[in-house]
């Protein structure tokens, strides 16, 4: 089954800022989106049907460990994966539970 991948406004704002800083991120995001369409349960579970995916940023040159993190939310009933947040790991380690709850409010069919 193929899932649809959609973004929320917060993600779009963050990704634009990071792409300006790391141009290779655009191609790496295309790869992640293609993987999510086939397997939406990529990454480490954060609870609430949310997952954190580690990606390497080639233009940063530090591999996955120093790359970016993408937080996703899966709505199985509509076969949709929402991209909630992306951040540079050198600036932020992970999301707090309250930050995750705020991001989930942007999803029209939050579970």
N, C-alpha and C. Protein backbone atom coordinates (compact mmCIF):
# COMPACT_ATOMS: atom_id res chain seq x y z
N UNK A 1 0.84 -1.17 0.00
CA UNK A 1 0.00 0.00 0.00
C UNK A 1 0.89 1.24 0.00
N UNK A 2 0.56 2.19 -0.82
CA UNK A 2 1.33 3.42 -0.93
C UNK A 2 0.67 4.53 -0.10
N UNK A 3 1.46 5.20 0.70
CA UNK A 3 0.97 6.28 1.55
C UNK A 3 1.22 7.63 0.88
N UNK A 4 0.34 8.59 1.16
CA UNK A 4 0.54 9.97 0.72
C UNK A 4 1.42 10.65 1.76
N UNK A 5 2.29 11.53 1.31
CA UNK A 5 3.15 12.28 2.22
C UNK A 5 2.79 13.76 2.09
N UNK A 6 2.42 14.38 3.22
CA UNK A 6 2.04 15.78 3.24
C UNK A 6 2.85 16.52 4.30
N UNK A 7 2.89 17.83 4.19
CA UNK A 7 3.63 18.65 5.15
C UNK A 7 2.68 19.58 5.89
N UNK A 8 3.17 20.11 7.00
CA UNK A 8 2.43 21.15 7.71
C UNK A 8 3.24 22.44 7.58
N UNK A 9 2.63 23.61 7.80
CA UNK A 9 3.34 24.89 7.60
C UNK A 9 4.64 25.02 8.41
N UNK A 10 4.68 24.49 9.61
CA UNK A 10 5.88 24.57 10.44
C UNK A 10 7.04 23.86 9.75
N UNK A 11 6.78 22.67 9.21
CA UNK A 11 7.81 21.90 8.51
C UNK A 11 8.32 22.67 7.30
N UNK A 12 7.40 23.24 6.52
CA UNK A 12 7.79 23.96 5.31
C UNK A 12 8.71 25.14 5.63
N UNK A 13 8.42 25.84 6.70
CA UNK A 13 9.26 26.98 7.10
C UNK A 13 10.65 26.50 7.51
N UNK A 14 10.70 25.43 8.29
CA UNK A 14 11.99 24.91 8.76
C UNK A 14 12.82 24.35 7.62
N UNK A 15 12.19 23.65 6.69
CA UNK A 15 12.94 23.02 5.60
C UNK A 15 13.52 24.08 4.67
N UNK A 16 12.80 25.16 4.43
CA UNK A 16 13.33 26.23 3.58
C UNK A 16 14.61 26.82 4.18
N UNK A 17 14.60 27.03 5.49
CA UNK A 17 15.77 27.58 6.17
C UNK A 17 16.96 26.62 6.08
N UNK A 18 16.70 25.34 6.28
CA UNK A 18 17.79 24.35 6.24
C UNK A 18 18.32 24.13 4.82
N UNK A 19 17.44 24.19 3.81
CA UNK A 19 17.90 24.00 2.43
C UNK A 19 18.80 25.15 2.00
N UNK A 20 18.51 26.36 2.47
CA UNK A 20 19.41 27.48 2.17
C UNK A 20 20.80 27.24 2.75
N UNK A 21 20.84 26.65 3.92
CA UNK A 21 22.11 26.39 4.59
C UNK A 21 22.81 25.15 4.04
N UNK A 22 22.03 24.10 3.70
CA UNK A 22 22.57 22.83 3.20
C UNK A 22 21.86 22.45 1.90
N UNK A 23 22.38 22.86 0.74
CA UNK A 23 21.70 22.64 -0.54
C UNK A 23 21.41 21.17 -0.88
N UNK A 24 22.24 20.25 -0.41
CA UNK A 24 22.02 18.83 -0.74
C UNK A 24 20.79 18.26 -0.04
N UNK A 25 20.26 18.95 0.95
CA UNK A 25 19.12 18.46 1.72
C UNK A 25 17.89 18.25 0.84
N UNK A 26 17.74 19.05 -0.19
CA UNK A 26 16.57 18.93 -1.06
C UNK A 26 16.49 17.54 -1.68
N UNK A 27 17.59 17.06 -2.24
CA UNK A 27 17.61 15.73 -2.85
C UNK A 27 17.43 14.64 -1.79
N UNK A 28 18.01 14.83 -0.64
CA UNK A 28 17.89 13.84 0.43
C UNK A 28 16.45 13.74 0.93
N UNK A 29 15.72 14.85 0.92
CA UNK A 29 14.31 14.82 1.30
C UNK A 29 13.48 14.05 0.28
N UNK A 30 13.78 14.21 -1.01
CA UNK A 30 13.07 13.45 -2.04
C UNK A 30 13.24 11.95 -1.79
N UNK A 31 14.44 11.55 -1.41
CA UNK A 31 14.72 10.14 -1.13
C UNK A 31 13.90 9.66 0.08
N UNK A 32 13.86 10.45 1.13
CA UNK A 32 13.11 10.08 2.33
C UNK A 32 11.62 9.99 2.03
N UNK A 33 11.09 10.93 1.26
CA UNK A 33 9.67 10.91 0.92
C UNK A 33 9.34 9.64 0.13
N UNK A 34 10.19 9.27 -0.81
CA UNK A 34 9.96 8.04 -1.58
C UNK A 34 9.97 6.82 -0.67
N UNK A 35 10.86 6.79 0.30
CA UNK A 35 10.90 5.67 1.25
C UNK A 35 9.66 5.65 2.13
N UNK A 36 9.19 6.83 2.55
CA UNK A 36 8.00 6.90 3.40
C UNK A 36 6.74 6.44 2.68
N UNK A 37 6.67 6.66 1.38
CA UNK A 37 5.50 6.22 0.63
C UNK A 37 5.37 4.70 0.67
N UNK A 38 6.48 4.00 0.68
CA UNK A 38 6.46 2.53 0.72
C UNK A 38 6.45 1.99 2.15
N UNK A 39 7.17 2.63 3.05
CA UNK A 39 7.26 2.17 4.44
C UNK A 39 7.13 3.37 5.37
N UNK A 40 5.91 3.72 5.78
CA UNK A 40 5.72 4.92 6.60
C UNK A 40 6.24 4.79 8.02
N UNK A 41 6.58 3.58 8.46
CA UNK A 41 7.01 3.37 9.84
C UNK A 41 8.53 3.42 9.99
N UNK A 42 9.19 4.25 9.18
CA UNK A 42 10.64 4.43 9.28
C UNK A 42 10.99 5.17 10.56
N UNK A 43 12.13 4.88 11.11
CA UNK A 43 12.63 5.65 12.24
C UNK A 43 12.30 5.06 13.59
N UNK A 44 12.50 5.87 14.61
CA UNK A 44 12.29 5.48 16.00
C UNK A 44 10.95 6.02 16.47
N UNK A 45 10.15 5.18 17.09
CA UNK A 45 8.83 5.59 17.56
C UNK A 45 8.94 6.57 18.72
N UNK A 46 8.15 7.65 18.64
CA UNK A 46 8.08 8.65 19.70
C UNK A 46 6.75 8.56 20.46
N UNK A 47 5.89 7.62 20.06
CA UNK A 47 4.54 7.52 20.62
C UNK A 47 3.58 8.36 19.81
N UNK A 48 2.29 8.21 20.03
CA UNK A 48 1.25 8.97 19.29
C UNK A 48 1.37 8.81 17.78
N UNK A 49 1.80 7.64 17.31
CA UNK A 49 1.99 7.37 15.87
C UNK A 49 3.01 8.32 15.24
N UNK A 50 3.94 8.80 16.03
CA UNK A 50 4.99 9.69 15.53
C UNK A 50 6.33 8.95 15.51
N UNK A 51 7.15 9.31 14.54
CA UNK A 51 8.45 8.67 14.37
C UNK A 51 9.51 9.73 14.09
N UNK A 52 10.74 9.45 14.54
CA UNK A 52 11.87 10.34 14.28
C UNK A 52 12.83 9.62 13.35
N UNK A 53 13.09 10.22 12.20
CA UNK A 53 13.96 9.63 11.18
C UNK A 53 15.28 10.39 11.15
N UNK A 54 16.37 9.66 11.18
CA UNK A 54 17.71 10.27 11.07
C UNK A 54 18.11 10.28 9.61
N UNK A 55 18.58 11.43 9.13
CA UNK A 55 19.09 11.50 7.76
C UNK A 55 20.44 12.21 7.77
N UNK A 56 21.28 11.79 6.85
CA UNK A 56 22.58 12.44 6.67
C UNK A 56 22.41 13.61 5.73
N UNK A 57 23.16 14.66 5.95
CA UNK A 57 23.17 15.81 5.04
C UNK A 57 24.54 15.82 4.39
N UNK A 58 24.58 15.49 3.10
CA UNK A 58 25.87 15.36 2.39
C UNK A 58 26.67 16.66 2.42
N UNK A 59 26.00 17.80 2.25
CA UNK A 59 26.73 19.07 2.22
C UNK A 59 27.25 19.47 3.60
N UNK A 60 26.80 18.80 4.63
CA UNK A 60 27.31 19.03 5.98
C UNK A 60 28.53 18.15 6.24
N UNK A 61 28.51 16.94 5.66
CA UNK A 61 29.67 16.05 5.73
C UNK A 61 29.89 15.36 7.06
N UNK A 62 28.84 15.10 7.83
CA UNK A 62 29.02 14.45 9.13
C UNK A 62 28.25 13.15 9.27
N UNK A 63 27.61 12.67 8.23
CA UNK A 63 26.86 11.42 8.31
C UNK A 63 25.55 11.58 9.06
N UNK A 64 24.89 10.44 9.34
CA UNK A 64 23.60 10.48 10.02
C UNK A 64 23.71 11.03 11.44
N UNK A 65 24.81 10.72 12.11
CA UNK A 65 24.95 11.11 13.50
C UNK A 65 24.91 12.63 13.68
N UNK A 66 25.46 13.36 12.74
CA UNK A 66 25.46 14.82 12.84
C UNK A 66 24.52 15.47 11.86
N UNK A 67 23.63 14.69 11.25
CA UNK A 67 22.74 15.21 10.22
C UNK A 67 21.48 15.85 10.77
N UNK A 68 20.38 15.60 10.09
CA UNK A 68 19.10 16.19 10.47
C UNK A 68 18.16 15.11 10.99
N UNK A 69 17.09 15.56 11.63
CA UNK A 69 16.05 14.67 12.10
C UNK A 69 14.73 15.15 11.53
N UNK A 70 13.92 14.19 11.07
CA UNK A 70 12.59 14.50 10.56
C UNK A 70 11.59 13.79 11.47
N UNK A 71 10.58 14.52 11.95
CA UNK A 71 9.54 13.92 12.77
C UNK A 71 8.30 13.76 11.90
N UNK A 72 7.76 12.53 11.87
CA UNK A 72 6.59 12.23 11.05
C UNK A 72 5.44 11.76 11.94
N UNK A 73 4.23 11.87 11.41
CA UNK A 73 3.03 11.35 12.07
C UNK A 73 2.25 10.57 11.03
N UNK A 74 1.81 9.37 11.40
CA UNK A 74 1.11 8.49 10.46
C UNK A 74 -0.36 8.43 10.84
N UNK A 75 -1.24 8.67 9.85
CA UNK A 75 -2.67 8.47 10.02
C UNK A 75 -3.03 7.29 9.13
N UNK A 76 -3.15 6.12 9.75
CA UNK A 76 -3.36 4.88 9.00
C UNK A 76 -4.70 4.89 8.27
N UNK A 77 -5.74 5.44 8.90
CA UNK A 77 -7.08 5.41 8.29
C UNK A 77 -7.15 6.16 6.96
N UNK A 78 -6.31 7.18 6.79
CA UNK A 78 -6.31 7.93 5.53
C UNK A 78 -5.06 7.65 4.70
N UNK A 79 -4.25 6.68 5.14
CA UNK A 79 -2.98 6.34 4.50
C UNK A 79 -2.14 7.58 4.18
N UNK A 80 -1.97 8.42 5.21
CA UNK A 80 -1.22 9.66 5.05
C UNK A 80 -0.10 9.75 6.08
N UNK A 81 1.06 10.19 5.62
CA UNK A 81 2.18 10.47 6.51
C UNK A 81 2.39 11.98 6.49
N UNK A 82 2.36 12.60 7.66
CA UNK A 82 2.58 14.04 7.76
C UNK A 82 4.01 14.30 8.22
N UNK A 83 4.70 15.18 7.52
CA UNK A 83 6.03 15.63 7.94
C UNK A 83 5.81 16.80 8.89
N UNK A 84 6.11 16.59 10.17
CA UNK A 84 5.80 17.59 11.19
C UNK A 84 6.93 18.57 11.45
N UNK A 85 8.17 18.07 11.46
CA UNK A 85 9.27 18.90 11.91
C UNK A 85 10.57 18.38 11.31
N UNK A 86 11.50 19.27 11.06
CA UNK A 86 12.85 18.90 10.65
C UNK A 86 13.80 19.82 11.39
N UNK A 87 14.87 19.24 11.92
CA UNK A 87 15.84 20.07 12.63
C UNK A 87 17.24 19.50 12.47
N UNK A 88 18.19 20.41 12.55
CA UNK A 88 19.61 20.07 12.48
C UNK A 88 20.02 19.55 13.86
N UNK A 89 20.58 18.36 13.91
CA UNK A 89 20.91 17.77 15.20
C UNK A 89 21.95 18.57 15.96
N UNK A 90 22.78 19.33 15.28
CA UNK A 90 23.77 20.13 16.00
C UNK A 90 23.11 21.28 16.77
N UNK A 91 21.88 21.65 16.39
CA UNK A 91 21.16 22.71 17.09
C UNK A 91 20.18 22.20 18.13
N UNK A 92 19.67 20.98 17.93
CA UNK A 92 18.63 20.45 18.81
C UNK A 92 18.72 18.94 18.83
N UNK A 93 18.62 18.34 20.00
CA UNK A 93 18.74 16.88 20.14
C UNK A 93 17.45 16.16 19.76
N UNK A 94 16.32 16.59 20.35
CA UNK A 94 15.04 15.96 20.09
C UNK A 94 13.92 16.93 20.45
N UNK A 95 12.67 16.51 20.23
CA UNK A 95 11.51 17.31 20.57
C UNK A 95 11.00 16.94 21.96
N UNK A 96 10.48 17.91 22.68
CA UNK A 96 9.83 17.61 23.95
C UNK A 96 8.41 17.12 23.66
N UNK A 97 7.78 16.51 24.65
CA UNK A 97 6.41 16.03 24.47
C UNK A 97 5.46 17.18 24.18
N UNK A 98 5.67 18.33 24.82
CA UNK A 98 4.78 19.47 24.60
C UNK A 98 4.95 20.02 23.18
N UNK A 99 6.18 20.05 22.67
CA UNK A 99 6.40 20.50 21.29
C UNK A 99 5.72 19.56 20.30
N UNK A 100 5.78 18.27 20.57
CA UNK A 100 5.15 17.28 19.71
C UNK A 100 3.63 17.46 19.71
N UNK A 101 3.05 17.69 20.88
CA UNK A 101 1.61 17.92 20.98
C UNK A 101 1.19 19.16 20.20
N UNK A 102 1.99 20.22 20.25
CA UNK A 102 1.68 21.43 19.49
C UNK A 102 1.69 21.16 17.99
N UNK A 103 2.66 20.37 17.53
CA UNK A 103 2.74 20.05 16.11
C UNK A 103 1.56 19.19 15.66
N UNK A 104 1.10 18.29 16.52
CA UNK A 104 -0.02 17.42 16.17
C UNK A 104 -1.31 18.20 15.98
N UNK A 105 -1.40 19.40 16.54
CA UNK A 105 -2.61 20.21 16.38
C UNK A 105 -2.78 20.70 14.94
N UNK A 106 -1.71 20.69 14.14
CA UNK A 106 -1.79 21.12 12.74
C UNK A 106 -2.40 20.05 11.84
N UNK A 107 -2.55 18.84 12.34
CA UNK A 107 -3.05 17.74 11.51
C UNK A 107 -4.57 17.75 11.56
N UNK A 108 -5.23 17.79 10.40
CA UNK A 108 -6.69 17.90 10.37
C UNK A 108 -7.42 16.70 10.96
N UNK A 109 -6.84 15.51 10.87
CA UNK A 109 -7.51 14.31 11.38
C UNK A 109 -6.70 13.68 12.50
N UNK A 110 -6.23 14.49 13.44
CA UNK A 110 -5.40 13.98 14.54
C UNK A 110 -6.16 12.93 15.33
N UNK A 111 -5.44 11.87 15.64
CA UNK A 111 -6.07 10.74 16.34
C UNK A 111 -6.17 11.01 17.82
